[in-house]
Amino acid sequence: MVKRLESGVELKKVDEQGRFILPADWRETELSESRELYVIKRKGYLKLVPKRRIDLTLCFDKIDLGVKSIGDWTEFEKKIYEEHP
């Protein structure tokens, strides 16, 4: 039995082994092929977060080091340490 309380909130029964069924529409949109979740235990509630692949290339070229390029690592390191002792 599922009782809808408000938008996005459902009251579900938990079986004797502690299982419940995730909503089908949520599974289809949120779970990837790995079908894995992070279960975050907090006082009074659980938080379920789907495991996702993170594209680290989105973070490339996002930091400004104050130089055009790093041709010589030793020179770059020297400059950084001079500016930030």
Protein backbone atom coordinates (compact mmCIF):
# COMPACT_ATOMS: atom_id res chain seq x y z
CA MET A 1 0.00 0.00 0.00
CA VAL A 2 1.28 3.43 -0.95
CA LYS A 3 -0.19 6.55 0.56
CA ARG A 4 0.69 9.86 -1.09
CA LEU A 5 1.16 12.61 1.46
CA GLU A 6 2.29 15.50 -0.74
CA SER A 7 4.15 16.00 -3.98
CA GLY A 8 7.23 13.76 -3.93
CA VAL A 9 6.42 12.18 -0.55
CA GLU A 10 5.04 8.67 -0.20
CA LEU A 11 4.34 6.54 2.87
CA LYS A 12 5.46 2.96 2.30
CA LYS A 13 5.36 -0.26 4.30
CA VAL A 14 8.63 -1.95 5.27
CA ASP A 15 8.64 -5.76 5.32
CA GLU A 16 9.97 -7.99 8.10
CA GLN A 17 13.47 -7.92 6.58
CA GLY A 18 13.60 -4.12 6.36
CA ARG A 19 12.90 -3.88 2.62
CA PHE A 20 10.67 -1.51 0.71
CA ILE A 21 10.09 -0.84 -2.97
CA LEU A 22 11.55 2.26 -4.59
CA PRO A 23 9.04 4.11 -6.78
CA ALA A 24 9.24 2.89 -10.38
CA ASP A 25 9.35 6.38 -11.90
CA TRP A 26 12.26 7.33 -9.61
CA ARG A 27 14.16 4.14 -10.48
CA GLU A 28 13.74 4.80 -14.20
CA THR A 29 14.94 8.41 -14.05
CA GLU A 30 17.52 8.34 -11.25
CA LEU A 31 19.20 4.93 -11.21
CA SER A 32 21.83 4.19 -13.82
CA GLU A 33 22.84 0.81 -15.14
CA SER A 34 24.87 0.14 -11.97
CA ARG A 35 21.67 0.17 -9.89
CA GLU A 36 23.68 1.24 -6.84
CA LEU A 37 22.72 3.74 -4.14
CA TYR A 38 24.57 5.47 -1.35
CA VAL A 39 22.59 5.02 1.86
CA ILE A 40 23.37 7.91 4.19
CA LYS A 41 22.30 7.27 7.77
CA ARG A 42 21.30 10.32 9.78
CA LYS A 43 19.57 10.61 13.10
CA GLY A 44 15.91 9.97 12.41
CA TYR A 45 16.10 9.37 8.66
CA LEU A 46 17.91 7.74 5.74
CA LYS A 47 18.96 9.56 2.60
CA LEU A 48 19.25 7.60 -0.66
CA VAL A 49 21.54 9.02 -3.34
CA PRO A 50 22.08 7.27 -6.68
CA LYS A 51 25.71 6.43 -7.47
CA ARG A 52 26.74 8.29 -10.61
CA ARG A 53 29.83 8.53 -12.73
CA ILE A 54 31.47 11.92 -12.42
CA ASP A 55 32.99 13.49 -15.52
CA LEU A 56 36.21 14.98 -14.16
CA THR A 57 36.95 16.64 -17.48
CA LEU A 58 34.30 19.22 -16.55
CA CYS A 59 36.78 20.48 -13.92
CA PHE A 60 39.69 20.84 -16.34
CA ASP A 61 40.88 24.38 -17.02
CA LYS A 62 38.79 25.75 -14.17
CA ILE A 63 41.59 26.98 -11.93
CA ASP A 64 43.48 30.19 -12.59
CA LEU A 65 47.10 29.79 -11.55
CA GLY A 66 48.08 33.22 -12.80
CA VAL A 67 50.24 31.89 -15.64
CA LYS A 68 49.55 31.15 -19.28
CA SER A 69 51.14 27.73 -19.20
CA ILE A 70 53.44 25.62 -17.09
CA GLY A 71 56.47 25.01 -19.26
CA ASP A 72 59.02 24.47 -16.51
CA TRP A 73 57.59 22.97 -13.33
CA THR A 74 60.52 24.18 -11.19
CA GLU A 75 60.02 27.78 -12.32
CA PHE A 76 56.29 27.54 -11.76
CA GLU A 77 56.78 26.10 -8.26
CA LYS A 78 59.30 28.81 -7.42
CA LYS A 79 56.91 31.55 -8.54
CA ILE A 80 53.99 30.08 -6.56
CA TYR A 81 56.06 29.77 -3.37
CA GLU A 82 57.34 33.34 -3.75
CA GLU A 83 53.79 34.68 -4.06
CA HIS A 84 52.33 32.46 -1.33
CA PRO A 85 55.00 31.86 1.35
